[in-house]
Amino acid sequence: MHTEHLKITGMTCGGCTTKITRALKAIPGVGGVNVSLPSEDATVQYDEKLTSVDQLKMAITNAGYGVGSDSSAKKPEGKGGCCG
């Protein structure tokens, strides 16, 4: 298992962390997921033979949030988040 730390933008509440967690856990090969609203990031454990960092980022983007590795998070267009 590999661990990736991703910065996430656009989260506004606990519902956002739940939405992102569900999106990531739906990807085959993803094990543990910890999404933090205060630190605006996600720590994801995954099997690199079954998925990739690009697929993790795509799931977050498709859920409506901005994402990057470490400090390179791209902000989503519009308000973002599950509430707005």
C-alpha atoms as a PDB file:
ATOM      1  CA  MET A   1       0.000   0.000   0.000  1.00  0.00           C
ATOM      2  CA  HIS A   2       1.140   3.490  -0.850  1.00  0.00           C
ATOM      3  CA  THR A   3       0.140   6.650   1.050  1.00  0.00           C
ATOM      4  CA  GLU A   4      -0.631   9.943  -0.704  1.00  0.00           C
ATOM      5  CA  HIS A   5      -1.291  13.325   0.902  1.00  0.00           C
ATOM      6  CA  LEU A   6      -3.513  15.611  -1.169  1.00  0.00           C
ATOM      7  CA  LYS A   7      -4.450  19.232  -0.501  1.00  0.00           C
ATOM      8  CA  ILE A   8      -8.143  19.884  -1.117  1.00  0.00           C
ATOM      9  CA  THR A   9      -9.856  23.210  -1.713  1.00  0.00           C
ATOM     10  CA  GLY A  10     -13.526  24.092  -1.577  1.00  0.00           C
ATOM     11  CA  MET A  11     -14.491  22.152   1.566  1.00  0.00           C
ATOM     12  CA  THR A  12     -16.852  24.078   3.840  1.00  0.00           C
ATOM     13  CA  CYS A  13     -18.314  21.539   6.301  1.00  0.00           C
ATOM     14  CA  GLY A  14     -18.373  17.955   7.550  1.00  0.00           C
ATOM     15  CA  GLY A  15     -20.648  17.031   4.662  1.00  0.00           C
ATOM     16  CA  CYS A  16     -17.817  17.896   2.283  1.00  0.00           C
ATOM     17  CA  THR A  17     -15.403  15.572   4.073  1.00  0.00           C
ATOM     18  CA  THR A  18     -17.998  12.788   3.921  1.00  0.00           C
ATOM     19  CA  LYS A  19     -18.591  13.350   0.201  1.00  0.00           C
ATOM     20  CA  ILE A  20     -14.848  13.220  -0.563  1.00  0.00           C
ATOM     21  CA  THR A  21     -14.315  10.165   1.652  1.00  0.00           C
ATOM     22  CA  ARG A  22     -17.081   8.279  -0.168  1.00  0.00           C
ATOM     23  CA  ALA A  23     -15.729   9.284  -3.585  1.00  0.00           C
ATOM     24  CA  LEU A  24     -12.245   8.033  -2.710  1.00  0.00           C
ATOM     25  CA  LYS A  25     -13.397   4.791  -1.063  1.00  0.00           C
ATOM     26  CA  ALA A  26     -15.398   3.947  -4.195  1.00  0.00           C
ATOM     27  CA  ILE A  27     -12.157   3.570  -6.171  1.00  0.00           C
ATOM     28  CA  PRO A  28     -10.895  -0.029  -6.438  1.00  0.00           C
ATOM     29  CA  GLY A  29      -7.614  -0.388  -4.572  1.00  0.00           C
ATOM     30  CA  VAL A  30      -8.238   2.385  -2.043  1.00  0.00           C
ATOM     31  CA  GLY A  31      -7.860   1.263   1.562  1.00  0.00           C
ATOM     32  CA  GLY A  32      -7.788   3.924   4.254  1.00  0.00           C
ATOM     33  CA  VAL A  33      -9.034   7.473   3.729  1.00  0.00           C
ATOM     34  CA  ASN A  34      -8.756  10.343   6.206  1.00  0.00           C
ATOM     35  CA  VAL A  35     -10.127  13.723   5.084  1.00  0.00           C
ATOM     36  CA  SER A  36      -9.498  16.721   7.357  1.00  0.00           C
ATOM     37  CA  LEU A  37     -11.537  19.916   7.070  1.00  0.00           C
ATOM     38  CA  PRO A  38      -9.256  22.018   9.329  1.00  0.00           C
ATOM     39  CA  SER A  39      -6.070  21.114   7.453  1.00  0.00           C
ATOM     40  CA  GLU A  40      -7.840  20.980   4.059  1.00  0.00           C
ATOM     41  CA  ASP A  41      -6.255  17.700   3.049  1.00  0.00           C
ATOM     42  CA  ALA A  42      -6.753  13.994   2.569  1.00  0.00           C
ATOM     43  CA  THR A  43      -4.470  11.097   3.373  1.00  0.00           C
ATOM     44  CA  VAL A  44      -5.211   8.107   1.161  1.00  0.00           C
ATOM     45  CA  GLN A  45      -3.768   4.607   1.329  1.00  0.00           C
ATOM     46  CA  TYR A  46      -4.048   2.759  -1.955  1.00  0.00           C
ATOM     47  CA  ASP A  47      -2.666  -0.134  -3.971  1.00  0.00           C
ATOM     48  CA  GLU A  48      -0.636   1.446  -6.776  1.00  0.00           C
ATOM     49  CA  LYS A  49      -1.246  -1.659  -8.907  1.00  0.00           C
ATOM     50  CA  LEU A  50      -4.994  -0.981  -8.902  1.00  0.00           C
ATOM     51  CA  THR A  51      -5.226   2.810  -9.000  1.00  0.00           C
ATOM     52  CA  SER A  52      -3.126   5.958  -9.353  1.00  0.00           C
ATOM     53  CA  VAL A  53      -2.798   9.425  -7.893  1.00  0.00           C
ATOM     54  CA  ASP A  54      -4.446  10.795 -11.039  1.00  0.00           C
ATOM     55  CA  GLN A  55      -7.508   8.618 -10.396  1.00  0.00           C
ATOM     56  CA  LEU A  56      -7.653   9.840  -6.785  1.00  0.00           C
ATOM     57  CA  LYS A  57      -7.499  13.448  -7.964  1.00  0.00           C
ATOM     58  CA  MET A  58     -10.147  12.815 -10.614  1.00  0.00           C
ATOM     59  CA  ALA A  59     -12.550  11.428  -7.995  1.00  0.00           C
ATOM     60  CA  ILE A  60     -12.087  14.525  -5.835  1.00  0.00           C
ATOM     61  CA  THR A  61     -12.500  16.852  -8.819  1.00  0.00           C
ATOM     62  CA  ASN A  62     -15.621  14.982  -9.969  1.00  0.00           C
ATOM     63  CA  ALA A  63     -17.033  15.413  -6.464  1.00  0.00           C
ATOM     64  CA  GLY A  64     -16.714  19.191  -6.964  1.00  0.00           C
ATOM     65  CA  TYR A  65     -13.503  20.106  -5.145  1.00  0.00           C
ATOM     66  CA  GLY A  66     -10.056  21.380  -6.042  1.00  0.00           C
ATOM     67  CA  VAL A  67      -7.060  19.124  -5.499  1.00  0.00           C
ATOM     68  CA  GLY A  68      -3.286  18.984  -5.724  1.00  0.00           C
ATOM     69  CA  SER A  69      -0.285  17.307  -4.131  1.00  0.00           C
ATOM     70  CA  ASP A  70       0.975  19.092  -1.045  1.00  0.00           C
ATOM     71  CA  SER A  71       0.810  22.860  -1.732  1.00  0.00           C
ATOM     72  CA  SER A  72      -0.156  22.724  -5.429  1.00  0.00           C
ATOM     73  CA  ALA A  73      -3.936  22.468  -4.939  1.00  0.00           C
ATOM     74  CA  LYS A  74      -5.949  23.953  -7.750  1.00  0.00           C
ATOM     75  CA  LYS A  75      -9.023  25.885  -6.671  1.00  0.00           C
ATOM     76  CA  PRO A  76     -12.311  24.830  -8.265  1.00  0.00           C
ATOM     77  CA  GLU A  77     -14.231  27.302 -10.357  1.00  0.00           C
ATOM     78  CA  GLY A  78     -17.328  28.622  -8.656  1.00  0.00           C
ATOM     79  CA  LYS A  79     -18.137  28.226  -4.990  1.00  0.00           C
ATOM     80  CA  GLY A  80     -17.327  24.567  -4.544  1.00  0.00           C
ATOM     81  CA  GLY A  81     -18.260  22.464  -1.560  1.00  0.00           C
ATOM     82  CA  CYS A  82     -21.363  20.421  -0.926  1.00  0.00           C
ATOM     83  CA  CYS A  83     -23.344  23.351   0.479  1.00  0.00           C
ATOM     84  CA  GLY A  84     -22.795  25.911  -2.233  1.00  0.00           C
END
